[in-house]
Amino acid sequence: MITVICPVYNEAAYIKPVLDFFIGALPVKKELILIDGNSSDATCSIIEDYMLVHNNIQLLHNADRYVPYALNKAIVAAKGEIIVRLDAHTDYDIHYFERIIETFQKTNADIVGGAMRIAPGNNTQNAIGYATTTRFGVGNSSFHFEDFEGYTESVYLGAWKKNIFEKTGLFDTNFKRNQDDEFHYRAKSMGFKVYQSPAIKLYYHPRKNLSLLFKQYFQYGLYKPLVLKKVKTATNPRHLIPSLFVIYLASLPVLLSLGFNFTLIPLAIYALVAIGFAFISKKPLKEAILIPLVYFTLHIAYGLGFLIGLSLKPQINANKKKQIVVSNQRELTVNS
């Protein structure tokens, strides 16, 4: 028995493929829990139409709207021994659930997942897809590399053995972004194993323009310091380099005004490397010329968010640390 969970918000244009995939995929013994964050479109009515025909689909409502609250509601309600998270903006191989089960059995890992493969899109989306699968774009983050197989620190979306939540607690509701990274880092620090398999195939749709990409990666950077403060063993140089790049760029006008023209050399090297990756991408010209701009957007947005995020503090209200029954009458703390 597996439980599939999917937070949704105004997903009327995307939810039907997710529902159809769930219905058509094996195993037969499974349930789907969708958690709606107060959608104002037809998302809920579409789901309710499917519920009339399929009794293994249910809809929960998340008044708090944000993803970690939705995940926690679904985990508490889950009946399966394995919990699989879906995202409405991602496509899935028809054998997705089967490969997850097989990977659990083969590796005896506690959390498994696949790489964030990129679905085809417009020119900007394709350029983003390429940039985020190169080390210059995202460093050594394994879930961006589809050929990687082995134990790792985090996976995209992921699937979890339900019983691990008895020790780890649930998702930390301080994290509107990066809640999956924080949870996976936390679980790993407690001795649980995270495994990535190339047999688990899913295809992510990147943001459609650079403005949306900037907002996305700014938020990733903004919440990353909170993650690293909480799970210090997760700190990696790739988390720090973009913020150093932002500091360098901000200092350039002063350095140049003092006559230190040689300080332009790192920026020139950066530009050459970005152009070089665009050249070796073998992408069509309309996509290739966007790749350096994507790199710059990724790094500035993440670095700026990270610097601002250094001043953030967890907004934990001790009175809200309520206990939630998850299974076998054991109680877990939401903000672990």
C-alpha atoms as a PDB file:
ATOM      1  CA  MET A   1       0.000   0.000   0.000  1.00  0.00           C
ATOM      2  CA  ILE A   2       1.367   3.429  -0.941  1.00  0.00           C
ATOM      3  CA  THR A   3      -0.006   6.857  -0.159  1.00  0.00           C
ATOM      4  CA  VAL A   4       0.520   9.545  -2.792  1.00  0.00           C
ATOM      5  CA  ILE A   5       0.298  13.161  -1.606  1.00  0.00           C
ATOM      6  CA  CYS A   6       0.129  16.343  -3.673  1.00  0.00           C
ATOM      7  CA  PRO A   7      -0.260  19.949  -2.438  1.00  0.00           C
ATOM      8  CA  VAL A   8      -2.262  22.047  -4.921  1.00  0.00           C
ATOM      9  CA  TYR A   9      -3.174  25.693  -5.373  1.00  0.00           C
ATOM     10  CA  ASN A  10      -4.963  27.017  -8.487  1.00  0.00           C
ATOM     11  CA  GLU A  11      -3.910  24.004 -10.540  1.00  0.00           C
ATOM     12  CA  ALA A  12      -6.986  23.734 -12.797  1.00  0.00           C
ATOM     13  CA  ALA A  13      -4.747  23.784 -15.884  1.00  0.00           C
ATOM     14  CA  TYR A  14      -2.441  21.029 -14.565  1.00  0.00           C
ATOM     15  CA  ILE A  15      -4.332  18.765 -12.185  1.00  0.00           C
ATOM     16  CA  LYS A  16      -6.024  16.411 -14.679  1.00  0.00           C
ATOM     17  CA  PRO A  17      -2.747  14.864 -15.938  1.00  0.00           C
ATOM     18  CA  VAL A  18      -1.732  14.227 -12.330  1.00  0.00           C
ATOM     19  CA  LEU A  19      -5.044  12.527 -11.552  1.00  0.00           C
ATOM     20  CA  ASP A  20      -4.978  10.476 -14.754  1.00  0.00           C
ATOM     21  CA  PHE A  21      -1.384   9.406 -14.075  1.00  0.00           C
ATOM     22  CA  PHE A  22      -2.284   8.278 -10.562  1.00  0.00           C
ATOM     23  CA  ILE A  23      -5.266   6.274 -11.790  1.00  0.00           C
ATOM     24  CA  GLY A  24      -3.349   4.545 -14.596  1.00  0.00           C
ATOM     25  CA  ALA A  25      -0.131   3.735 -12.731  1.00  0.00           C
ATOM     26  CA  LEU A  26       0.664   0.597 -10.754  1.00  0.00           C
ATOM     27  CA  PRO A  27       0.396  -0.596  -8.061  1.00  0.00           C
ATOM     28  CA  VAL A  28      -3.363  -0.918  -7.834  1.00  0.00           C
ATOM     29  CA  LYS A  29      -3.318  -0.727  -4.039  1.00  0.00           C
ATOM     30  CA  LYS A  30      -2.745   2.979  -3.439  1.00  0.00           C
ATOM     31  CA  GLU A  31      -4.451   6.168  -2.301  1.00  0.00           C
ATOM     32  CA  LEU A  32      -4.099   9.790  -3.385  1.00  0.00           C
ATOM     33  CA  ILE A  33      -4.420  12.685  -0.942  1.00  0.00           C
ATOM     34  CA  LEU A  34      -4.601  16.149  -2.484  1.00  0.00           C
ATOM     35  CA  ILE A  35      -4.281  19.147  -0.159  1.00  0.00           C
ATOM     36  CA  ASP A  36      -5.728  22.397  -1.475  1.00  0.00           C
ATOM     37  CA  GLY A  37      -4.438  25.768  -0.294  1.00  0.00           C
ATOM     38  CA  ASN A  38      -7.661  27.742  -0.855  1.00  0.00           C
ATOM     39  CA  SER A  39      -7.716  27.657  -4.661  1.00  0.00           C
ATOM     40  CA  SER A  40      -9.844  30.284  -6.394  1.00  0.00           C
ATOM     41  CA  ASP A  41     -10.137  28.406  -9.698  1.00  0.00           C
ATOM     42  CA  ALA A  42     -11.743  25.067 -10.622  1.00  0.00           C
ATOM     43  CA  THR A  43      -9.080  22.892  -8.980  1.00  0.00           C
ATOM     44  CA  CYS A  44     -11.328  21.535  -6.245  1.00  0.00           C
ATOM     45  CA  SER A  45     -14.318  20.896  -8.497  1.00  0.00           C
ATOM     46  CA  ILE A  46     -12.143  18.914 -10.918  1.00  0.00           C
ATOM     47  CA  ILE A  47     -10.799  16.807  -8.058  1.00  0.00           C
ATOM     48  CA  GLU A  48     -14.293  16.280  -6.661  1.00  0.00           C
ATOM     49  CA  ASP A  49     -15.492  15.004 -10.059  1.00  0.00           C
ATOM     50  CA  TYR A  50     -12.746  12.361  -9.979  1.00  0.00           C
ATOM     51  CA  MET A  51     -13.627  11.478  -6.385  1.00  0.00           C
ATOM     52  CA  LEU A  52     -17.142  10.537  -7.478  1.00  0.00           C
ATOM     53  CA  VAL A  53     -15.654   7.743  -9.590  1.00  0.00           C
ATOM     54  CA  HIS A  54     -12.515   6.792  -7.647  1.00  0.00           C
ATOM     55  CA  ASN A  55     -12.890   6.130  -3.921  1.00  0.00           C
ATOM     56  CA  ASN A  56      -9.110   6.084  -3.348  1.00  0.00           C
ATOM     57  CA  ILE A  57      -8.827   9.836  -4.020  1.00  0.00           C
ATOM     58  CA  GLN A  58      -9.491  12.333  -1.227  1.00  0.00           C
ATOM     59  CA  LEU A  59      -9.251  16.091  -0.873  1.00  0.00           C
ATOM     60  CA  LEU A  60      -8.079  17.914   2.233  1.00  0.00           C
ATOM     61  CA  HIS A  61      -8.115  21.675   2.776  1.00  0.00           C
ATOM     62  CA  ASN A  62      -5.133  23.635   4.036  1.00  0.00           C
ATOM     63  CA  ALA A  63      -6.170  26.938   5.601  1.00  0.00           C
ATOM     64  CA  ASP A  64      -2.498  27.781   6.228  1.00  0.00           C
ATOM     65  CA  ARG A  65      -1.902  27.553   2.445  1.00  0.00           C
ATOM     66  CA  TYR A  66       1.856  26.901   2.533  1.00  0.00           C
ATOM     67  CA  VAL A  67       3.347  23.585   1.408  1.00  0.00           C
ATOM     68  CA  PRO A  68       4.806  22.258   4.699  1.00  0.00           C
ATOM     69  CA  TYR A  69       1.388  22.548   6.382  1.00  0.00           C
ATOM     70  CA  ALA A  70      -0.136  20.636   3.459  1.00  0.00           C
ATOM     71  CA  LEU A  71       2.475  17.888   3.631  1.00  0.00           C
ATOM     72  CA  ASN A  72       1.984  17.478   7.372  1.00  0.00           C
ATOM     73  CA  LYS A  73      -1.810  17.167   7.023  1.00  0.00           C
ATOM     74  CA  ALA A  74      -1.383  14.480   4.367  1.00  0.00           C
ATOM     75  CA  ILE A  75       1.264  12.515   6.289  1.00  0.00           C
ATOM     76  CA  VAL A  76      -1.000  12.361   9.341  1.00  0.00           C
ATOM     77  CA  ALA A  77      -3.876  11.072   7.176  1.00  0.00           C
ATOM     78  CA  ALA A  78      -1.762   8.601   5.165  1.00  0.00           C
ATOM     79  CA  LYS A  79      -2.549   4.896   5.409  1.00  0.00           C
ATOM     80  CA  GLY A  80       0.311   3.555   3.276  1.00  0.00           C
ATOM     81  CA  GLU A  81       3.659   2.206   4.443  1.00  0.00           C
ATOM     82  CA  ILE A  82       5.313   4.343   1.738  1.00  0.00           C
ATOM     83  CA  ILE A  83       4.441   8.008   1.127  1.00  0.00           C
ATOM     84  CA  VAL A  84       5.173   9.450  -2.329  1.00  0.00           C
ATOM     85  CA  ARG A  85       5.077  13.186  -2.943  1.00  0.00           C
ATOM     86  CA  LEU A  86       3.901  14.578  -6.286  1.00  0.00           C
ATOM     87  CA  ASP A  87       3.959  18.103  -7.719  1.00  0.00           C
ATOM     88  CA  ALA A  88       1.331  19.309 -10.176  1.00  0.00           C
ATOM     89  CA  HIS A  89       3.931  20.953 -12.441  1.00  0.00           C
ATOM     90  CA  THR A  90       5.880  17.747 -12.990  1.00  0.00           C
ATOM     91  CA  ASP A  91       5.318  14.855 -15.411  1.00  0.00           C
ATOM     92  CA  TYR A  92       5.900  11.251 -14.332  1.00  0.00           C
ATOM     93  CA  ASP A  93       6.967   8.069 -16.048  1.00  0.00           C
ATOM     94  CA  ILE A  94       4.119   5.545 -15.955  1.00  0.00           C
ATOM     95  CA  HIS A  95       6.346   3.196 -13.889  1.00  0.00           C
ATOM     96  CA  TYR A  96       7.225   5.917 -11.365  1.00  0.00           C
ATOM     97  CA  PHE A  97       5.598   4.298  -8.332  1.00  0.00           C
ATOM     98  CA  GLU A  98       6.884   0.828  -9.244  1.00  0.00           C
ATOM     99  CA  ARG A  99      10.473   2.063  -9.544  1.00  0.00           C
ATOM    100  CA  ILE A 100      10.196   3.797  -6.177  1.00  0.00           C
ATOM    101  CA  ILE A 101       9.044   0.548  -4.532  1.00  0.00           C
ATOM    102  CA  GLU A 102      11.821  -1.410  -6.273  1.00  0.00           C
ATOM    103  CA  THR A 103      14.446   1.108  -5.134  1.00  0.00           C
ATOM    104  CA  PHE A 104      13.278   0.843  -1.528  1.00  0.00           C
ATOM    105  CA  GLN A 105      13.523  -2.940  -1.750  1.00  0.00           C
ATOM    106  CA  LYS A 106      16.925  -2.945  -3.485  1.00  0.00           C
ATOM    107  CA  THR A 107      18.682  -0.374  -1.310  1.00  0.00           C
ATOM    108  CA  ASN A 108      16.916  -0.567   2.054  1.00  0.00           C
ATOM    109  CA  ALA A 109      17.041   3.251   2.033  1.00  0.00           C
ATOM    110  CA  ASP A 110      14.565   5.290   4.055  1.00  0.00           C
ATOM    111  CA  ILE A 111      14.017   8.046   1.463  1.00  0.00           C
ATOM    112  CA  VAL A 112      14.310   7.588  -2.307  1.00  0.00           C
ATOM    113  CA  GLY A 113      13.803   9.692  -5.405  1.00  0.00           C
ATOM    114  CA  GLY A 114      14.946  10.454  -8.920  1.00  0.00           C
ATOM    115  CA  ALA A 115      16.745  13.291 -10.623  1.00  0.00           C
ATOM    116  CA  MET A 116      14.941  16.468 -11.640  1.00  0.00           C
ATOM    117  CA  ARG A 117      14.818  15.733 -15.372  1.00  0.00           C
ATOM    118  CA  ILE A 118      13.670  18.672 -17.496  1.00  0.00           C
ATOM    119  CA  ALA A 119      10.500  18.655 -19.591  1.00  0.00           C
ATOM    120  CA  PRO A 120      10.694  20.456 -22.971  1.00  0.00           C
ATOM    121  CA  GLY A 121       9.256  23.974 -23.016  1.00  0.00           C
ATOM    122  CA  ASN A 122       9.770  27.384 -24.581  1.00  0.00           C
ATOM    123  CA  ASN A 123      13.232  28.796 -25.364  1.00  0.00           C
ATOM    124  CA  THR A 124      13.698  30.219 -21.871  1.00  0.00           C
ATOM    125  CA  GLN A 125      12.541  27.021 -20.175  1.00  0.00           C
ATOM    126  CA  ASN A 126      14.923  24.947 -22.282  1.00  0.00           C
ATOM    127  CA  ALA A 127      17.796  27.311 -21.456  1.00  0.00           C
ATOM    128  CA  ILE A 128      16.927  27.093 -17.748  1.00  0.00           C
ATOM    129  CA  GLY A 129      16.734  23.323 -18.021  1.00  0.00           C
ATOM    130  CA  TYR A 130      20.221  23.121 -19.469  1.00  0.00           C
ATOM    131  CA  ALA A 131      21.768  25.616 -17.021  1.00  0.00           C
ATOM    132  CA  THR A 132      20.342  23.829 -13.987  1.00  0.00           C
ATOM    133  CA  THR A 133      21.853  20.511 -15.061  1.00  0.00           C
ATOM    134  CA  THR A 134      25.424  21.865 -15.209  1.00  0.00           C
ATOM    135  CA  ARG A 135      27.860  22.199 -12.322  1.00  0.00           C
ATOM    136  CA  PHE A 136      28.430  25.850 -13.205  1.00  0.00           C
ATOM    137  CA  GLY A 137      24.737  26.428 -12.652  1.00  0.00           C
ATOM    138  CA  VAL A 138      24.027  24.428  -9.479  1.00  0.00           C
ATOM    139  CA  GLY A 139      27.340  23.082  -8.207  1.00  0.00           C
ATOM    140  CA  ASN A 140      27.407  19.433  -7.111  1.00  0.00           C
ATOM    141  CA  SER A 141      23.726  19.118  -6.215  1.00  0.00           C
ATOM    142  CA  SER A 142      23.138  15.503  -7.250  1.00  0.00           C
ATOM    143  CA  PHE A 143      19.391  15.638  -7.922  1.00  0.00           C
ATOM    144  CA  HIS A 144      20.044  17.871 -10.948  1.00  0.00           C
ATOM    145  CA  PHE A 145      22.089  15.108 -12.636  1.00  0.00           C
ATOM    146  CA  GLU A 146      19.971  12.348 -14.145  1.00  0.00           C
ATOM    147  CA  ASP A 147      22.785   9.758 -14.390  1.00  0.00           C
ATOM    148  CA  PHE A 148      23.706   9.948 -10.711  1.00  0.00           C
ATOM    149  CA  GLU A 149      22.930   6.868  -8.634  1.00  0.00           C
ATOM    150  CA  GLY A 150      23.739   6.380  -4.992  1.00  0.00           C
ATOM    151  CA  TYR A 151      23.267   7.698  -1.487  1.00  0.00           C
ATOM    152  CA  THR A 152      22.942  11.460  -1.347  1.00  0.00           C
ATOM    153  CA  GLU A 153      21.777  14.369   0.840  1.00  0.00           C
ATOM    154  CA  SER A 154      18.430  15.202  -0.781  1.00  0.00           C
ATOM    155  CA  VAL A 155      16.189  14.201  -3.694  1.00  0.00           C
ATOM    156  CA  TYR A 156      13.591  16.027  -5.781  1.00  0.00           C
ATOM    157  CA  LEU A 157      10.110  15.553  -4.263  1.00  0.00           C
ATOM    158  CA  GLY A 158      10.980  12.131  -2.866  1.00  0.00           C
ATOM    159  CA  ALA A 159       9.256   9.144  -1.297  1.00  0.00           C
ATOM    160  CA  TRP A 160       9.525   8.229   2.373  1.00  0.00           C
ATOM    161  CA  LYS A 161       8.933   5.213   4.556  1.00  0.00           C
ATOM    162  CA  LYS A 162       6.151   6.419   6.797  1.00  0.00           C
ATOM    163  CA  ASN A 163       7.718   5.058   9.958  1.00  0.00           C
ATOM    164  CA  ILE A 164      10.681   7.470   9.781  1.00  0.00           C
ATOM    165  CA  PHE A 165       8.395  10.343  10.784  1.00  0.00           C
ATOM    166  CA  GLU A 166       8.069   8.732  14.221  1.00  0.00           C
ATOM    167  CA  LYS A 167      11.698   9.745  14.844  1.00  0.00           C
ATOM    168  CA  THR A 168      12.221  12.768  12.580  1.00  0.00           C
ATOM    169  CA  GLY A 169       8.982  14.592  13.261  1.00  0.00           C
ATOM    170  CA  LEU A 170       7.098  16.263  10.437  1.00  0.00           C
ATOM    171  CA  PHE A 171       8.027  19.076   8.046  1.00  0.00           C
ATOM    172  CA  ASP A 172       9.138  22.315   9.669  1.00  0.00           C
ATOM    173  CA  THR A 173       6.496  24.947   8.951  1.00  0.00           C
ATOM    174  CA  ASN A 174       9.073  27.744   9.187  1.00  0.00           C
ATOM    175  CA  PHE A 175      10.144  26.876   5.654  1.00  0.00           C
ATOM    176  CA  LYS A 176       7.820  28.156   2.940  1.00  0.00           C
ATOM    177  CA  ARG A 177      10.608  27.100   0.559  1.00  0.00           C
ATOM    178  CA  ASN A 178      13.346  24.488   1.014  1.00  0.00           C
ATOM    179  CA  GLN A 179      11.194  22.441   3.397  1.00  0.00           C
ATOM    180  CA  ASP A 180      12.145  19.253   1.522  1.00  0.00           C
ATOM    181  CA  ASP A 181      15.877  20.017   1.745  1.00  0.00           C
ATOM    182  CA  GLU A 182      15.594  20.760   5.460  1.00  0.00           C
ATOM    183  CA  PHE A 183      13.671  17.553   6.106  1.00  0.00           C
ATOM    184  CA  HIS A 184      16.041  15.374   4.079  1.00  0.00           C
ATOM    185  CA  TYR A 185      19.121  16.950   5.705  1.00  0.00           C
ATOM    186  CA  ARG A 186      17.524  16.460   9.126  1.00  0.00           C
ATOM    187  CA  ALA A 187      16.649  12.835   8.393  1.00  0.00           C
ATOM    188  CA  LYS A 188      20.157  12.135   7.141  1.00  0.00           C
ATOM    189  CA  SER A 189      21.693  13.732  10.254  1.00  0.00           C
ATOM    190  CA  MET A 190      19.637  11.251  12.302  1.00  0.00           C
ATOM    191  CA  GLY A 191      21.074   8.287  10.433  1.00  0.00           C
ATOM    192  CA  PHE A 192      18.376   7.726   7.806  1.00  0.00           C
ATOM    193  CA  LYS A 193      19.543   6.921   4.276  1.00  0.00           C
ATOM    194  CA  VAL A 194      18.616   8.984   1.187  1.00  0.00           C
ATOM    195  CA  TYR A 195      19.052   7.277  -2.199  1.00  0.00           C
ATOM    196  CA  GLN A 196      18.752   8.607  -5.758  1.00  0.00           C
ATOM    197  CA  SER A 197      18.041   6.212  -8.625  1.00  0.00           C
ATOM    198  CA  PRO A 198      18.063   7.043 -12.366  1.00  0.00           C
ATOM    199  CA  ALA A 199      15.310   4.436 -12.805  1.00  0.00           C
ATOM    200  CA  ILE A 200      12.889   6.810 -11.036  1.00  0.00           C
ATOM    201  CA  LYS A 201      11.942   9.207 -13.822  1.00  0.00           C
ATOM    202  CA  LEU A 202      10.076  12.484 -13.541  1.00  0.00           C
ATOM    203  CA  TYR A 203      10.148  15.633 -15.669  1.00  0.00           C
ATOM    204  CA  TYR A 204      10.002  19.130 -14.198  1.00  0.00           C
ATOM    205  CA  HIS A 205       8.663  22.184 -16.052  1.00  0.00           C
ATOM    206  CA  PRO A 206      10.973  25.195 -15.358  1.00  0.00           C
ATOM    207  CA  ARG A 207       9.702  28.754 -14.953  1.00  0.00           C
ATOM    208  CA  LYS A 208       8.578  30.362 -18.208  1.00  0.00           C
ATOM    209  CA  ASN A 209      10.645  33.552 -17.978  1.00  0.00           C
ATOM    210  CA  LEU A 210      13.667  35.023 -16.189  1.00  0.00           C
ATOM    211  CA  SER A 211      11.547  37.164 -13.867  1.00  0.00           C
ATOM    212  CA  LEU A 212       9.793  34.094 -12.451  1.00  0.00           C
ATOM    213  CA  LEU A 213      13.136  32.275 -12.265  1.00  0.00           C
ATOM    214  CA  PHE A 214      14.605  35.146 -10.248  1.00  0.00           C
ATOM    215  CA  LYS A 215      11.720  35.036  -7.762  1.00  0.00           C
ATOM    216  CA  GLN A 216      12.047  31.255  -7.426  1.00  0.00           C
ATOM    217  CA  TYR A 217      15.787  31.214  -6.756  1.00  0.00           C
ATOM    218  CA  PHE A 218      15.643  34.294  -4.535  1.00  0.00           C
ATOM    219  CA  GLN A 219      13.272  32.361  -2.274  1.00  0.00           C
ATOM    220  CA  TYR A 220      15.524  29.291  -2.387  1.00  0.00           C
ATOM    221  CA  GLY A 221      18.432  31.456  -1.253  1.00  0.00           C
ATOM    222  CA  LEU A 222      16.335  33.309   1.325  1.00  0.00           C
ATOM    223  CA  TYR A 223      15.430  30.179   3.287  1.00  0.00           C
ATOM    224  CA  LYS A 224      18.702  28.277   2.844  1.00  0.00           C
ATOM    225  CA  PRO A 225      20.494  29.980   5.801  1.00  0.00           C
ATOM    226  CA  LEU A 226      17.680  28.851   8.107  1.00  0.00           C
ATOM    227  CA  VAL A 227      18.175  25.294   6.852  1.00  0.00           C
ATOM    228  CA  LEU A 228      21.940  25.422   7.394  1.00  0.00           C
ATOM    229  CA  LYS A 229      21.586  26.967  10.859  1.00  0.00           C
ATOM    230  CA  LYS A 230      19.269  24.132  11.830  1.00  0.00           C
ATOM    231  CA  VAL A 231      21.247  21.290  10.193  1.00  0.00           C
ATOM    232  CA  LYS A 232      24.848  22.495  10.232  1.00  0.00           C
ATOM    233  CA  THR A 233      26.208  19.288   8.710  1.00  0.00           C
ATOM    234  CA  ALA A 234      24.424  20.163   5.442  1.00  0.00           C
ATOM    235  CA  THR A 235      26.646  23.208   4.720  1.00  0.00           C
ATOM    236  CA  ASN A 236      28.348  22.987   1.327  1.00  0.00           C
ATOM    237  CA  PRO A 237      30.533  25.537  -0.559  1.00  0.00           C
ATOM    238  CA  ARG A 238      27.929  25.694  -3.341  1.00  0.00           C
ATOM    239  CA  HIS A 239      25.533  27.357  -0.886  1.00  0.00           C
ATOM    240  CA  LEU A 240      27.967  30.206  -0.220  1.00  0.00           C
ATOM    241  CA  ILE A 241      29.540  30.962  -3.613  1.00  0.00           C
ATOM    242  CA  PRO A 242      26.576  32.881  -5.158  1.00  0.00           C
ATOM    243  CA  SER A 243      26.433  35.259  -2.168  1.00  0.00           C
ATOM    244  CA  LEU A 244      30.185  35.901  -2.477  1.00  0.00           C
ATOM    245  CA  PHE A 245      29.601  36.673  -6.161  1.00  0.00           C
ATOM    246  CA  VAL A 246      26.910  39.211  -5.228  1.00  0.00           C
ATOM    247  CA  ILE A 247      29.245  40.850  -2.694  1.00  0.00           C
ATOM    248  CA  TYR A 248      31.967  41.001  -5.349  1.00  0.00           C
ATOM    249  CA  LEU A 249      29.633  42.677  -7.871  1.00  0.00           C
ATOM    250  CA  ALA A 250      28.403  45.170  -5.277  1.00  0.00           C
ATOM    251  CA  SER A 251      31.983  46.141  -4.435  1.00  0.00           C
ATOM    252  CA  LEU A 252      33.074  46.595  -8.068  1.00  0.00           C
ATOM    253  CA  PRO A 253      32.031  50.270  -8.451  1.00  0.00           C
ATOM    254  CA  VAL A 254      34.078  51.246  -5.397  1.00  0.00           C
ATOM    255  CA  LEU A 255      37.082  49.165  -6.448  1.00  0.00           C
ATOM    256  CA  LEU A 256      37.014  50.577  -9.984  1.00  0.00           C
ATOM    257  CA  SER A 257      36.687  54.142  -8.693  1.00  0.00           C
ATOM    258  CA  LEU A 258      39.901  53.536  -6.730  1.00  0.00           C
ATOM    259  CA  GLY A 259      41.655  52.459  -9.910  1.00  0.00           C
ATOM    260  CA  PHE A 260      41.684  48.722  -9.215  1.00  0.00           C
ATOM    261  CA  ASN A 261      40.783  47.810 -12.787  1.00  0.00           C
ATOM    262  CA  PHE A 262      42.194  44.296 -12.383  1.00  0.00           C
ATOM    263  CA  THR A 263      39.138  43.478 -10.276  1.00  0.00           C
ATOM    264  CA  LEU A 264      37.207  43.132 -13.545  1.00  0.00           C
ATOM    265  CA  ILE A 265      39.141  39.950 -14.304  1.00  0.00           C
ATOM    266  CA  PRO A 266      36.876  37.614 -12.239  1.00  0.00           C
ATOM    267  CA  LEU A 267      33.795  39.050 -13.964  1.00  0.00           C
ATOM    268  CA  ALA A 268      35.401  38.529 -17.373  1.00  0.00           C
ATOM    269  CA  ILE A 269      36.239  34.924 -16.443  1.00  0.00           C
ATOM    270  CA  TYR A 270      32.663  34.399 -15.255  1.00  0.00           C
ATOM    271  CA  ALA A 271      31.289  35.697 -18.559  1.00  0.00           C
ATOM    272  CA  LEU A 272      33.667  33.517 -20.585  1.00  0.00           C
ATOM    273  CA  VAL A 273      32.727  30.398 -18.631  1.00  0.00           C
ATOM    274  CA  ALA A 274      28.999  31.136 -19.020  1.00  0.00           C
ATOM    275  CA  ILE A 275      29.425  31.694 -22.767  1.00  0.00           C
ATOM    276  CA  GLY A 276      31.560  28.553 -22.977  1.00  0.00           C
ATOM    277  CA  PHE A 277      28.838  26.422 -21.393  1.00  0.00           C
ATOM    278  CA  ALA A 278      26.330  27.962 -23.805  1.00  0.00           C
ATOM    279  CA  PHE A 279      28.581  27.086 -26.725  1.00  0.00           C
ATOM    280  CA  ILE A 280      29.097  23.434 -25.720  1.00  0.00           C
ATOM    281  CA  SER A 281      25.377  23.014 -25.030  1.00  0.00           C
ATOM    282  CA  LYS A 282      24.735  22.566 -28.771  1.00  0.00           C
ATOM    283  CA  LYS A 283      21.364  24.189 -28.207  1.00  0.00           C
ATOM    284  CA  PRO A 284      19.615  26.152 -30.992  1.00  0.00           C
ATOM    285  CA  LEU A 285      20.816  29.755 -31.153  1.00  0.00           C
ATOM    286  CA  LYS A 286      17.606  31.176 -29.620  1.00  0.00           C
ATOM    287  CA  GLU A 287      18.177  29.022 -26.545  1.00  0.00           C
ATOM    288  CA  ALA A 288      21.972  29.246 -26.412  1.00  0.00           C
ATOM    289  CA  ILE A 289      22.026  33.046 -26.211  1.00  0.00           C
ATOM    290  CA  LEU A 290      19.760  32.865 -23.157  1.00  0.00           C
ATOM    291  CA  ILE A 291      21.971  30.451 -21.211  1.00  0.00           C
ATOM    292  CA  PRO A 292      24.484  33.083 -19.902  1.00  0.00           C
ATOM    293  CA  LEU A 293      21.525  35.227 -18.790  1.00  0.00           C
ATOM    294  CA  VAL A 294      20.041  32.227 -16.983  1.00  0.00           C
ATOM    295  CA  TYR A 295      23.312  31.587 -15.139  1.00  0.00           C
ATOM    296  CA  PHE A 296      23.509  35.228 -14.095  1.00  0.00           C
ATOM    297  CA  THR A 297      19.871  35.206 -12.929  1.00  0.00           C
ATOM    298  CA  LEU A 298      20.331  31.992 -10.937  1.00  0.00           C
ATOM    299  CA  HIS A 299      23.439  33.172  -9.158  1.00  0.00           C
ATOM    300  CA  ILE A 300      22.348  36.751  -8.415  1.00  0.00           C
ATOM    301  CA  ALA A 301      18.885  35.718  -7.223  1.00  0.00           C
ATOM    302  CA  TYR A 302      20.148  32.905  -4.981  1.00  0.00           C
ATOM    303  CA  GLY A 303      23.098  34.921  -3.665  1.00  0.00           C
ATOM    304  CA  LEU A 304      21.004  37.993  -2.868  1.00  0.00           C
ATOM    305  CA  GLY A 305      18.338  35.857  -1.197  1.00  0.00           C
ATOM    306  CA  PHE A 306      20.997  34.046   0.852  1.00  0.00           C
ATOM    307  CA  LEU A 307      22.529  37.296   2.118  1.00  0.00           C
ATOM    308  CA  ILE A 308      19.138  38.641   3.188  1.00  0.00           C
ATOM    309  CA  GLY A 309      18.238  35.246   4.648  1.00  0.00           C
ATOM    310  CA  LEU A 310      21.217  35.393   7.024  1.00  0.00           C
ATOM    311  CA  SER A 311      19.209  37.838   9.131  1.00  0.00           C
ATOM    312  CA  LEU A 312      16.074  35.683   9.282  1.00  0.00           C
ATOM    313  CA  LYS A 313      15.143  33.859  12.445  1.00  0.00           C
ATOM    314  CA  PRO A 314      12.700  30.935  12.812  1.00  0.00           C
ATOM    315  CA  GLN A 315       9.233  32.204  13.733  1.00  0.00           C
ATOM    316  CA  ILE A 316       8.413  29.421  16.166  1.00  0.00           C
ATOM    317  CA  ASN A 317       5.633  30.007  18.634  1.00  0.00           C
ATOM    318  CA  ALA A 318       6.149  27.610  21.513  1.00  0.00           C
ATOM    319  CA  ASN A 319       2.411  27.480  22.095  1.00  0.00           C
ATOM    320  CA  LYS A 320       1.884  26.179  18.561  1.00  0.00           C
ATOM    321  CA  LYS A 321       4.190  23.186  18.988  1.00  0.00           C
ATOM    322  CA  LYS A 322       1.189  20.931  19.122  1.00  0.00           C
ATOM    323  CA  GLN A 323       1.330  17.171  19.114  1.00  0.00           C
ATOM    324  CA  ILE A 324      -0.134  15.224  16.196  1.00  0.00           C
ATOM    325  CA  VAL A 325      -0.937  11.521  16.192  1.00  0.00           C
ATOM    326  CA  VAL A 326       0.659   9.886  13.155  1.00  0.00           C
ATOM    327  CA  SER A 327       0.537   6.145  13.664  1.00  0.00           C
ATOM    328  CA  ASN A 328       0.341   3.502  16.365  1.00  0.00           C
ATOM    329  CA  GLN A 329      -0.741   6.167  18.867  1.00  0.00           C
ATOM    330  CA  ARG A 330       2.743   7.774  18.733  1.00  0.00           C
ATOM    331  CA  GLU A 331       2.875  11.522  18.807  1.00  0.00           C
ATOM    332  CA  LEU A 332       5.120  13.767  16.734  1.00  0.00           C
ATOM    333  CA  THR A 333       5.993  17.426  16.986  1.00  0.00           C
ATOM    334  CA  VAL A 334       5.283  19.476  13.868  1.00  0.00           C
ATOM    335  CA  ASN A 335       8.240  21.870  14.229  1.00  0.00           C
ATOM    336  CA  SER A 336      10.979  19.347  14.963  1.00  0.00           C
END
